[in-house]
C-alpha atoms as a PDB file:
ATOM      1  CA  MET A   1      -1.112 -14.906  13.146  1.00  0.00           C
ATOM      2  CA  ILE A   2       0.467 -11.579  14.100  1.00  0.00           C
ATOM      3  CA  ILE A   3       1.872  -9.086  11.594  1.00  0.00           C
ATOM      4  CA  TYR A   4       4.779  -6.896  12.627  1.00  0.00           C
ATOM      5  CA  ASN A   5       4.394  -4.014  10.181  1.00  0.00           C
ATOM      6  CA  VAL A   6       7.225  -1.550   9.553  1.00  0.00           C
ATOM      7  CA  THR A   7       6.299   1.486   7.448  1.00  0.00           C
ATOM      8  CA  VAL A   8       9.243   3.531   6.177  1.00  0.00           C
ATOM      9  CA  LYS A   9       9.343   6.718   4.113  1.00  0.00           C
ATOM     10  CA  VAL A  10      12.767   6.935   2.474  1.00  0.00           C
ATOM     11  CA  ASP A  11      14.397  10.093   1.100  1.00  0.00           C
ATOM     12  CA  LEU A  12      14.896  10.077  -2.657  1.00  0.00           C
ATOM     13  CA  SER A  13      18.626  10.797  -2.173  1.00  0.00           C
ATOM     14  CA  ILE A  14      19.268   7.334  -0.660  1.00  0.00           C
ATOM     15  CA  HIS A  15      16.337   5.401  -2.083  1.00  0.00           C
ATOM     16  CA  GLN A  16      18.198   3.080  -4.465  1.00  0.00           C
ATOM     17  CA  ASP A  17      20.886   2.221  -1.915  1.00  0.00           C
ATOM     18  CA  TRP A  18      18.248   1.656   0.790  1.00  0.00           C
ATOM     19  CA  LEU A  19      16.138  -0.575  -1.453  1.00  0.00           C
ATOM     20  CA  GLY A  20      19.086  -2.810  -2.334  1.00  0.00           C
ATOM     21  CA  TRP A  21      20.263  -2.958   1.283  1.00  0.00           C
ATOM     22  CA  MET A  22      16.787  -3.892   2.502  1.00  0.00           C
ATOM     23  CA  LEU A  23      16.394  -6.671  -0.063  1.00  0.00           C
ATOM     24  CA  LEU A  24      19.898  -8.131   0.230  1.00  0.00           C
ATOM     25  CA  LYS A  25      20.803  -7.474   3.881  1.00  0.00           C
ATOM     26  CA  HIS A  26      18.195  -6.219   6.334  1.00  0.00           C
ATOM     27  CA  ILE A  27      15.136  -8.321   5.483  1.00  0.00           C
ATOM     28  CA  PRO A  28      17.208 -11.531   5.250  1.00  0.00           C
ATOM     29  CA  ASP A  29      18.767 -10.677   8.646  1.00  0.00           C
ATOM     30  CA  VAL A  30      15.307 -10.241  10.185  1.00  0.00           C
ATOM     31  CA  MET A  31      14.076 -13.489   8.660  1.00  0.00           C
ATOM     32  CA  ASN A  32      17.207 -15.332   9.831  1.00  0.00           C
ATOM     33  CA  THR A  33      16.222 -14.642  13.458  1.00  0.00           C
ATOM     34  CA  GLY A  34      13.695 -17.470  13.087  1.00  0.00           C
ATOM     35  CA  MET A  35      10.941 -15.409  14.698  1.00  0.00           C
ATOM     36  CA  PHE A  36       8.898 -14.935  11.516  1.00  0.00           C
ATOM     37  CA  GLN A  37       7.335 -17.444   9.144  1.00  0.00           C
ATOM     38  CA  SER A  38       7.246 -15.153   6.109  1.00  0.00           C
ATOM     39  CA  HIS A  39       7.254 -11.541   5.013  1.00  0.00           C
ATOM     40  CA  ARG A  40       5.918  -9.127   2.401  1.00  0.00           C
ATOM     41  CA  PHE A  41       7.671  -6.057   1.065  1.00  0.00           C
ATOM     42  CA  CYS A  42       5.151  -3.541  -0.281  1.00  0.00           C
ATOM     43  CA  LYS A  43       5.303  -0.085  -1.848  1.00  0.00           C
ATOM     44  CA  LEU A  44       2.490   2.316  -0.959  1.00  0.00           C
ATOM     45  CA  LEU A  45       0.622   3.562  -4.005  1.00  0.00           C
ATOM     46  CA  GLU A  46      -0.962   6.922  -4.713  1.00  0.00           C
ATOM     47  CA  GLN A  47       1.402   8.763  -2.341  1.00  0.00           C
ATOM     48  CA  ASP A  48       3.158  12.066  -2.893  1.00  0.00           C
ATOM     49  CA  GLU A  49       6.693  10.912  -3.713  1.00  0.00           C
ATOM     50  CA  SER A  50       8.228  14.362  -4.145  1.00  0.00           C
ATOM     51  CA  ASP A  51      10.173  14.029  -0.882  1.00  0.00           C
ATOM     52  CA  GLY A  52      10.409  10.255  -0.531  1.00  0.00           C
ATOM     53  CA  ILE A  53       8.983   6.829  -1.265  1.00  0.00           C
ATOM     54  CA  THR A  54       6.989   4.882   1.305  1.00  0.00           C
ATOM     55  CA  TYR A  55       7.180   1.132   1.887  1.00  0.00           C
ATOM     56  CA  ALA A  56       5.540  -1.293   4.298  1.00  0.00           C
ATOM     57  CA  ILE A  57       7.437  -4.406   5.292  1.00  0.00           C
ATOM     58  CA  GLN A  58       5.202  -6.998   6.922  1.00  0.00           C
ATOM     59  CA  TYR A  59       6.676  -9.845   8.943  1.00  0.00           C
ATOM     60  CA  PHE A  60       4.330 -12.702   9.872  1.00  0.00           C
ATOM     61  CA  ALA A  61       4.732 -14.391  13.266  1.00  0.00           C
ATOM     62  CA  GLU A  62       2.747 -17.237  14.788  1.00  0.00           C
ATOM     63  CA  SER A  63       2.463 -15.604  18.240  1.00  0.00           C
ATOM     64  CA  MET A  64       2.934 -12.465  20.305  1.00  0.00           C
ATOM     65  CA  GLU A  65       5.625 -14.336  22.232  1.00  0.00           C
ATOM     66  CA  LYS A  66       7.723 -14.530  19.058  1.00  0.00           C
ATOM     67  CA  ILE A  67       7.200 -10.791  18.471  1.00  0.00           C
ATOM     68  CA  PHE A  68       8.188  -9.923  22.046  1.00  0.00           C
ATOM     69  CA  PHE A  69      11.265 -12.155  21.850  1.00  0.00           C
ATOM     70  CA  TYR A  70      12.261 -10.548  18.549  1.00  0.00           C
ATOM     71  CA  GLN A  71      11.771  -7.050  19.969  1.00  0.00           C
ATOM     72  CA  GLU A  72      13.850  -7.853  23.040  1.00  0.00           C
ATOM     73  CA  LYS A  73      16.666  -9.914  21.567  1.00  0.00           C
ATOM     74  CA  TYR A  74      17.088  -8.914  17.909  1.00  0.00           C
ATOM     75  CA  ALA A  75      15.324  -5.626  17.101  1.00  0.00           C
ATOM     76  CA  PRO A  76      17.648  -3.200  18.935  1.00  0.00           C
ATOM     77  CA  GLU A  77      20.740  -4.276  16.984  1.00  0.00           C
ATOM     78  CA  LEU A  78      18.944  -4.523  13.630  1.00  0.00           C
ATOM     79  CA  GLN A  79      17.280  -1.132  14.102  1.00  0.00           C
ATOM     80  CA  LYS A  80      20.602   0.439  15.136  1.00  0.00           C
ATOM     81  CA  GLU A  81      22.270  -0.908  12.007  1.00  0.00           C
ATOM     82  CA  HIS A  82      19.509   0.688   9.896  1.00  0.00           C
ATOM     83  CA  SER A  83      19.685   3.959  11.817  1.00  0.00           C
ATOM     84  CA  ASP A  84      23.483   4.175  11.618  1.00  0.00           C
ATOM     85  CA  ARG A  85      23.393   3.650   7.865  1.00  0.00           C
ATOM     86  CA  TYR A  86      20.485   5.968   6.956  1.00  0.00           C
ATOM     87  CA  GLN A  87      20.078   8.353   9.898  1.00  0.00           C
ATOM     88  CA  GLY A  88      18.223  11.516   8.964  1.00  0.00           C
ATOM     89  CA  HIS A  89      17.038  10.101   5.642  1.00  0.00           C
ATOM     90  CA  TYR A  90      13.917   8.182   6.660  1.00  0.00           C
ATOM     91  CA  VAL A  91      10.860   8.202   8.884  1.00  0.00           C
ATOM     92  CA  VAL A  92       9.636   4.921  10.344  1.00  0.00           C
ATOM     93  CA  PHE A  93       6.778   3.668  12.446  1.00  0.00           C
ATOM     94  CA  ARG A  94       5.953   0.163  13.574  1.00  0.00           C
ATOM     95  CA  THR A  95       2.585  -1.440  14.253  1.00  0.00           C
ATOM     96  CA  LEU A  96       1.307  -4.852  15.285  1.00  0.00           C
ATOM     97  CA  LEU A  97      -1.743  -6.336  13.616  1.00  0.00           C
ATOM     98  CA  LYS A  98      -3.712  -9.473  14.415  1.00  0.00           C
ATOM     99  CA  VAL A  99      -4.991 -11.437  11.438  1.00  0.00           C
ATOM    100  CA  ILE A 100      -8.718 -12.053  11.890  1.00  0.00           C
ATOM    101  CA  GLU A 101      -9.407 -14.143   8.780  1.00  0.00           C
END
């Protein structure tokens, strides 16, 4: 199992809009690609939230091939949609993790 982890720190000024958009639009769009079996949407705890709130969205894939296909075929458009909507109001980084147990 491979986890495609997206960590996003969102400005307070757009937080509520972003949260709703992620739950109702973006995450369902990612899941509808068929590349992931499930996902988790997590809020980081014990963080300084004076300039934003940090979330980690974890998408679970059965193989690296599915991740690579997602990154090539679907990610550019989905990431552009996010960037166009919230540009300048978030910081994001993506990591891949392999589940050991």
